[in-house]
Protein backbone atom coordinates (compact mmCIF):
# COMPACT_ATOMS: atom_id res chain seq x y z
CA MET A 1 116.06 103.49 117.39
CA ARG A 2 114.00 104.54 120.37
CA GLN A 3 112.96 101.77 122.76
CA PHE A 4 109.78 101.93 124.82
CA ILE A 5 110.91 99.77 127.71
CA SER A 6 114.21 99.34 129.50
CA LYS A 7 116.05 96.05 129.80
CA ARG A 8 115.88 96.38 133.59
CA TYR A 9 112.07 96.58 133.55
CA LEU A 10 111.81 93.68 131.16
CA ILE A 11 113.86 91.44 133.43
CA ALA A 12 111.60 92.37 136.33
CA ILE A 13 108.52 91.36 134.34
CA THR A 14 110.05 88.10 133.20
CA ALA A 15 111.15 87.05 136.65
CA ALA A 16 107.88 87.97 138.37
CA GLY A 17 105.48 85.18 139.38
CA LEU A 18 102.52 86.31 137.31
CA LEU A 19 100.58 83.07 137.68
CA ALA A 20 99.94 83.30 141.39
CA ALA A 21 96.43 82.29 142.42
CA SER A 22 94.61 81.01 145.45
CA PRO A 23 96.11 77.67 146.61
CA ALA A 24 92.84 75.79 146.11
CA ILE A 25 92.60 76.77 142.45
CA ALA A 26 96.31 76.62 141.66
CA ALA A 27 96.60 73.09 143.05
CA ASP A 28 94.38 71.73 140.26
CA CYS A 29 96.77 73.15 137.66
CA LYS A 30 100.05 72.61 139.44
CA SER A 31 101.21 70.02 136.93
CA LEU A 32 101.05 72.67 134.19
CA LEU A 33 101.85 75.90 136.00
CA ASP A 34 104.95 74.74 137.84
CA PRO A 35 106.71 73.47 134.69
CA PHE A 36 105.64 76.60 132.83
CA ASN A 37 107.08 78.93 135.48
CA GLN A 38 110.28 76.88 135.56
CA ALA A 39 110.55 77.04 131.76
CA ILE A 40 110.22 80.83 131.88
CA ASP A 41 112.76 81.13 134.69
CA GLU A 42 115.20 79.03 132.65
CA ALA A 43 114.40 80.92 129.42
CA ARG A 44 113.20 77.77 127.65
CA GLU A 45 110.93 79.58 125.24
CA HIS A 46 109.85 76.57 123.15
CA ASP A 47 108.89 74.50 126.20
CA ALA A 48 106.97 77.43 127.68
CA GLN A 49 104.97 77.83 124.46
CA GLY A 50 104.06 74.14 124.48
CA LEU A 51 102.79 74.43 128.04
CA ILE A 52 100.74 77.54 127.18
CA ASP A 53 99.00 75.52 124.48
CA LYS A 54 98.11 72.89 127.11
CA ILE A 55 96.98 75.56 129.59
CA ALA A 56 94.73 77.13 126.95
CA SER A 57 93.04 73.80 126.15
CA SER A 58 92.46 72.87 129.80
CA ALA A 59 88.97 73.45 131.17
CA ASP A 60 90.40 73.95 134.67
CA CYS A 61 93.48 75.99 133.82
CA GLY A 62 92.39 78.10 130.84
CA GLN A 63 91.95 81.07 133.17
CA TYR A 64 95.75 81.30 133.38
CA GLN A 65 96.28 81.56 129.62
CA THR A 66 96.55 85.35 129.40
CA ALA A 67 98.91 85.59 132.36
CA ALA A 68 101.07 82.87 130.84
CA GLN A 69 101.09 84.62 127.45
CA TYR A 70 102.12 87.84 129.19
CA ARG A 71 105.07 86.16 130.90
CA LEU A 72 106.25 84.47 127.73
CA ALA A 73 105.85 87.68 125.70
CA ALA A 74 107.99 89.51 128.27
CA LEU A 75 110.66 86.80 128.04
CA ARG A 76 110.73 87.03 124.24
CA LEU A 77 110.79 90.82 124.27
CA SER A 78 113.61 90.87 126.80
CA ALA A 79 115.65 88.50 124.65
CA ALA A 80 114.96 90.57 121.53
CA GLN A 81 115.93 93.85 123.15
CA ILE A 82 119.16 92.38 124.47
CA LEU A 83 120.06 91.55 120.86
CA MET A 84 118.95 95.02 119.77
CA ALA A 85 121.18 96.61 122.42
CA ARG A 86 124.10 94.61 121.03
CA GLY A 87 123.47 96.03 117.58
CA ARG A 88 122.53 92.69 116.05
CA PRO A 89 120.71 92.67 112.67
CA VAL A 90 116.91 92.59 112.66
CA ALA A 91 116.88 89.07 111.25
CA GLU A 92 118.30 87.76 114.54
CA TYR A 93 115.48 89.06 116.73
CA GLU A 94 112.54 89.59 114.35
CA ARG A 95 110.98 86.23 115.19
CA LEU A 96 111.18 86.95 118.92
CA LEU A 97 109.52 90.35 118.50
CA ALA A 98 106.77 89.01 116.26
CA ALA A 99 106.08 86.16 118.69
CA ALA A 100 106.00 88.58 121.64
CA ASP A 101 103.51 90.78 119.79
CA THR A 102 101.22 88.01 118.49
CA PRO A 103 99.08 87.40 121.62
CA GLU A 104 98.52 91.17 121.99
CA VAL A 105 98.96 91.23 125.75
CA LEU A 106 102.10 93.37 126.24
CA TRP A 107 102.02 96.92 124.88
CA GLN A 108 105.79 97.24 124.95
CA ALA A 109 106.09 94.31 122.52
CA SER A 110 103.78 95.96 119.99
CA ALA A 111 105.50 99.34 120.45
CA THR A 112 108.97 97.89 119.99
CA LEU A 113 107.88 96.02 116.88
CA GLY A 114 106.45 99.31 115.64
CA GLU A 115 109.81 100.98 116.14
CA VAL A 116 111.58 98.22 114.23
CA ARG A 117 109.12 98.41 111.33
CA PHE A 118 109.43 102.21 111.33
CA GLY A 119 113.22 101.89 111.13
CA GLU A 120 112.81 99.48 108.22
CA ARG A 121 110.56 102.04 106.49
CA ARG A 122 107.63 99.64 106.65
CA PHE A 123 105.44 102.50 107.79
CA ALA A 124 102.02 100.90 107.31
CA GLU A 125 103.02 97.93 109.48
CA ALA A 126 104.52 100.31 112.03
CA ALA A 127 101.24 102.24 112.29
CA GLU A 128 99.31 99.01 112.84
CA ALA A 129 101.74 97.93 115.56
CA TYR A 130 101.38 101.27 117.38
CA ASP A 131 97.60 100.89 117.21
CA ARG A 132 97.89 97.49 118.89
CA ALA A 133 100.06 99.02 121.61
CA ILE A 134 97.51 101.77 122.22
CA ALA A 135 94.67 99.23 122.43
CA ILE A 136 96.59 97.15 124.98
CA VAL A 137 97.34 100.23 127.08
CA LYS A 138 93.61 101.08 127.08
CA ASN A 139 92.79 97.59 128.38
CA GLU A 140 93.15 97.93 132.15
CA THR A 141 93.04 94.15 132.61
CA LEU A 142 96.11 93.69 130.41
CA THR A 143 97.81 96.90 131.58
CA PRO A 144 96.83 97.49 135.22
CA THR A 145 99.48 100.18 135.72
CA ARG A 146 99.08 103.06 133.31
CA PRO A 147 102.25 103.93 131.40
CA GLU A 148 103.76 107.37 131.86
CA LYS A 149 102.17 110.23 129.93
CA PHE A 150 105.26 110.65 127.73
CA GLU A 151 105.00 106.98 126.73
CA ILE A 152 101.33 107.30 125.75
CA ASP A 153 102.00 110.56 123.92
CA GLY A 154 104.92 108.85 122.17
CA LEU A 155 102.71 106.02 120.90
CA ILE A 156 100.07 108.42 119.58
CA ASN A 157 102.61 110.71 117.92
CA ARG A 158 104.54 107.84 116.37
CA SER A 159 101.33 106.28 115.05
CA GLY A 160 100.39 109.57 113.39
CA GLN A 161 103.86 109.96 111.88
CA ALA A 162 103.84 106.40 110.52
CA ARG A 163 100.47 107.02 108.86
CA LEU A 164 101.68 110.24 107.24
CA LEU A 165 104.76 108.52 105.88
CA ALA A 166 102.80 105.47 104.69
CA ALA A 167 100.48 107.80 102.78
CA ASN A 168 103.34 109.70 101.12
CA VAL A 169 106.48 107.59 100.82
CA LYS A 170 106.52 105.23 97.86
CA MET A 171 107.49 101.63 98.49
CA ALA A 172 109.66 99.58 96.15
CA ASP A 173 106.63 98.82 93.97
CA GLY A 174 105.77 102.52 93.75
CA SER A 175 102.71 102.25 95.99
CA THR A 176 101.64 104.33 98.97
CA ALA A 177 99.11 103.26 101.58
CA PHE A 178 96.18 104.49 103.59
CA VAL A 179 96.28 102.76 106.98
CA PRO A 180 92.81 102.47 108.51
CA THR A 181 92.73 103.30 112.20
CA ALA A 182 92.01 100.31 114.42
CA LYS A 183 88.61 100.05 116.09
CA ASP A 184 88.27 100.32 119.85
CA GLN A 185 87.63 96.79 121.10
CA ARG A 186 85.21 98.03 123.75
CA ASP A 187 82.66 99.89 121.62
CA GLY A 188 83.72 99.53 117.99
CA THR A 189 84.45 103.24 117.49
CA LEU A 190 87.74 104.44 116.04
CA GLY A 191 90.64 104.01 118.43
CA GLY A 192 94.34 104.67 117.92
CA ILE A 193 95.09 108.33 117.21
CA TYR A 194 91.35 109.11 117.33
CA SER A 195 90.81 107.63 120.80
CA ARG A 196 88.64 109.75 123.05
CA SER A 197 91.16 109.05 125.78
CA VAL A 198 94.06 106.70 126.39
CA ARG A 199 93.92 106.04 130.14
CA GLY A 200 93.12 109.67 130.89
CA ILE A 201 95.45 111.10 128.24
CA VAL A 202 93.43 112.85 125.53
CA PRO A 203 95.16 113.09 122.14
CA GLN A 204 95.29 116.80 121.38
CA ALA A 205 97.09 117.69 118.14
CA VAL A 206 96.70 114.73 115.78
CA PRO A 207 98.37 114.82 112.34
CA VAL A 208 95.80 113.46 109.89
CA PRO A 209 97.24 111.66 106.82
CA ILE A 210 95.23 113.77 104.39
CA THR A 211 97.39 114.13 101.30
CA PHE A 212 96.90 116.62 98.48
CA ASP A 213 97.86 116.93 94.86
CA TYR A 214 101.07 118.89 94.42
CA ALA A 215 100.68 122.58 95.38
CA LYS A 216 96.87 122.20 95.34
CA THR A 217 93.96 121.81 97.74
CA THR A 218 92.46 118.77 96.00
CA PHE A 219 92.79 115.46 97.84
CA THR A 220 94.65 112.46 96.53
CA PRO A 221 92.65 109.19 96.71
CA ILE A 222 94.45 108.38 99.98
CA GLY A 223 93.75 111.90 101.21
CA GLU A 224 90.03 111.44 100.65
CA GLN A 225 90.04 108.16 102.58
CA ALA A 226 91.78 109.89 105.48
CA ALA A 227 89.31 112.79 105.39
CA ARG A 228 86.38 110.34 105.50
CA GLU A 229 87.92 108.63 108.51
CA LEU A 230 88.30 111.98 110.29
CA ALA A 231 84.63 112.70 109.57
CA GLN A 232 83.71 109.33 111.07
CA ALA A 233 85.69 110.07 114.24
CA LEU A 234 84.06 113.48 114.69
CA LYS A 235 80.59 112.01 114.24
CA GLU A 236 81.22 109.08 116.59
CA GLN A 237 82.54 111.26 119.38
CA GLY A 238 80.14 114.16 118.99
CA ILE A 239 83.01 116.60 119.40
CA GLN A 240 81.60 120.12 119.69
CA ARG A 241 84.54 122.20 118.46
CA VAL A 242 87.85 121.52 116.73
CA ARG A 243 90.62 123.40 114.99
CA LEU A 244 92.18 122.30 111.73
CA VAL A 245 95.68 123.68 111.29
CA GLY A 246 97.42 123.46 107.94
CA HIS A 247 101.22 123.14 107.75
CA THR A 248 103.75 123.09 104.92
CA ASP A 249 107.43 122.29 104.66
CA VAL A 250 110.02 125.07 104.33
CA ARG A 251 110.24 125.01 100.55
CA GLY A 252 108.56 127.91 98.77
CA SER A 253 108.01 131.47 99.91
CA ASP A 254 106.50 132.30 103.28
CA GLU A 255 103.54 134.01 101.62
CA THR A 256 102.79 131.05 99.35
CA ASN A 257 103.11 128.55 102.20
CA MET A 258 100.80 130.56 104.45
CA LYS A 259 98.13 130.75 101.77
CA LEU A 260 98.45 127.09 100.79
CA SER A 261 98.34 125.82 104.39
CA ALA A 262 95.24 127.91 105.15
CA ALA A 263 93.52 126.84 101.94
CA ARG A 264 94.18 123.15 102.65
CA ALA A 265 92.77 123.42 106.17
CA GLU A 266 89.69 125.12 104.70
CA ALA A 267 89.38 122.36 102.08
CA VAL A 268 89.29 119.73 104.82
CA ALA A 269 86.70 121.73 106.77
CA ALA A 270 84.52 122.03 103.66
CA PHE A 271 84.75 118.28 103.04
CA LEU A 272 83.74 117.53 106.63
CA LYS A 273 80.71 119.81 106.41
CA GLU A 274 79.63 118.16 103.14
CA ALA A 275 80.02 114.79 104.89
CA GLY A 276 77.47 115.83 107.51
CA VAL A 277 79.80 116.74 110.37
CA SER A 278 78.06 119.22 112.68
CA THR A 279 81.16 120.09 114.71
CA VAL A 280 82.13 123.75 114.83
CA ILE A 281 85.39 123.90 112.87
CA GLU A 282 87.96 126.68 113.05
CA THR A 283 90.71 126.69 110.42
CA LYS A 284 94.16 128.19 110.43
CA GLY A 285 97.25 128.07 108.25
CA VAL A 286 100.71 128.43 109.73
CA GLY A 287 102.86 127.62 106.70
CA SER A 288 106.25 126.28 107.72
CA THR A 289 106.45 128.20 111.01
CA GLU A 290 105.56 125.22 113.25
CA PRO A 291 107.58 122.18 112.12
CA ILE A 292 106.62 118.83 113.58
CA LYS A 293 108.38 117.93 116.83
CA LEU A 294 110.38 114.74 116.36
CA MET A 295 111.68 112.89 119.41
CA ASP A 296 113.75 110.70 117.11
CA SER A 297 114.64 111.51 113.49
CA SER A 298 117.13 108.68 113.02
CA GLY A 299 116.58 106.86 109.73
CA LEU A 300 114.46 109.66 108.29
CA SER A 301 115.59 111.43 105.14
CA GLN A 302 115.14 115.13 104.50
CA ASP A 303 112.26 114.25 102.17
CA ASP A 304 110.64 112.27 105.00
CA ILE A 305 110.86 115.32 107.26
CA TYR A 306 109.35 117.48 104.52
CA THR A 307 106.52 114.94 104.33
CA LEU A 308 105.89 115.06 108.07
CA ASN A 309 105.78 118.84 107.97
CA ARG A 310 103.15 118.85 105.19
CA ARG A 311 100.17 118.01 107.31
CA VAL A 312 96.77 119.07 108.56
CA GLU A 313 96.41 118.69 112.32
CA PHE A 314 93.12 117.99 114.04
CA ILE A 315 93.10 119.75 117.42
CA ARG A 316 90.45 119.21 120.07
CA GLU A 317 89.26 122.41 121.72
């Protein structure tokens, strides 16, 4: 299971004094901040949470709430990833990960929870966790230092993969799921994989979870929902030109796959035009010649990989 943050970095976050402030202001809250910092330094998670609750309810010290949540989230994430590195079962660190993710202040917590949910084949929950991570990265107050490009690209790619799998892979009750993309907290437009930019990184080739009836160009109900969401993103962003590239898995003849992939891309383009999208749309089918690039295929079955290869990609020009 891929991890988005190293143990070494986590320890550095946990040990850092993130509640530093000017002496005049800090003095008024010393009775709360000093015990909180000590509780973090001594890894007393429960005590630290109790002090955060008091900090949040204090008129004078509420300004330190987010910084305190960040420190405690880092402590919990560090503890969880230590257990993960030891190969412990999810049940032993799930609470820590969920608690680290809950305040939505540390992108690595959301990303790591996404990886765990992905590994458990809870793909819809994984996609939602990756969306939270992307939103936190975009918030420069919460994430002053931009993550590396490969980390941002990894979040976007993994979110797209989780959505494709959620739309295709049946759960125990036989259901599949359309996962709506999270809204950007700044302006209410679609965020996540449809973000205009994630700290200067523009998502380029985005796999859209548009699913089709078997060997046809007609959308499934989930496929239509995904196509409508793509139309919304194109309208919101006023994108001038895009390419839609259809892909298939390796099963079937090359000729059939080429024709089917092209026809599916054209079907999406036709839907978008009927939905009032004015973007210039180029379509292309590549059959099975460009399989999806997976950084980590652990836990994925061959059918999962077939699913990820059956996709229509939205590519900004």
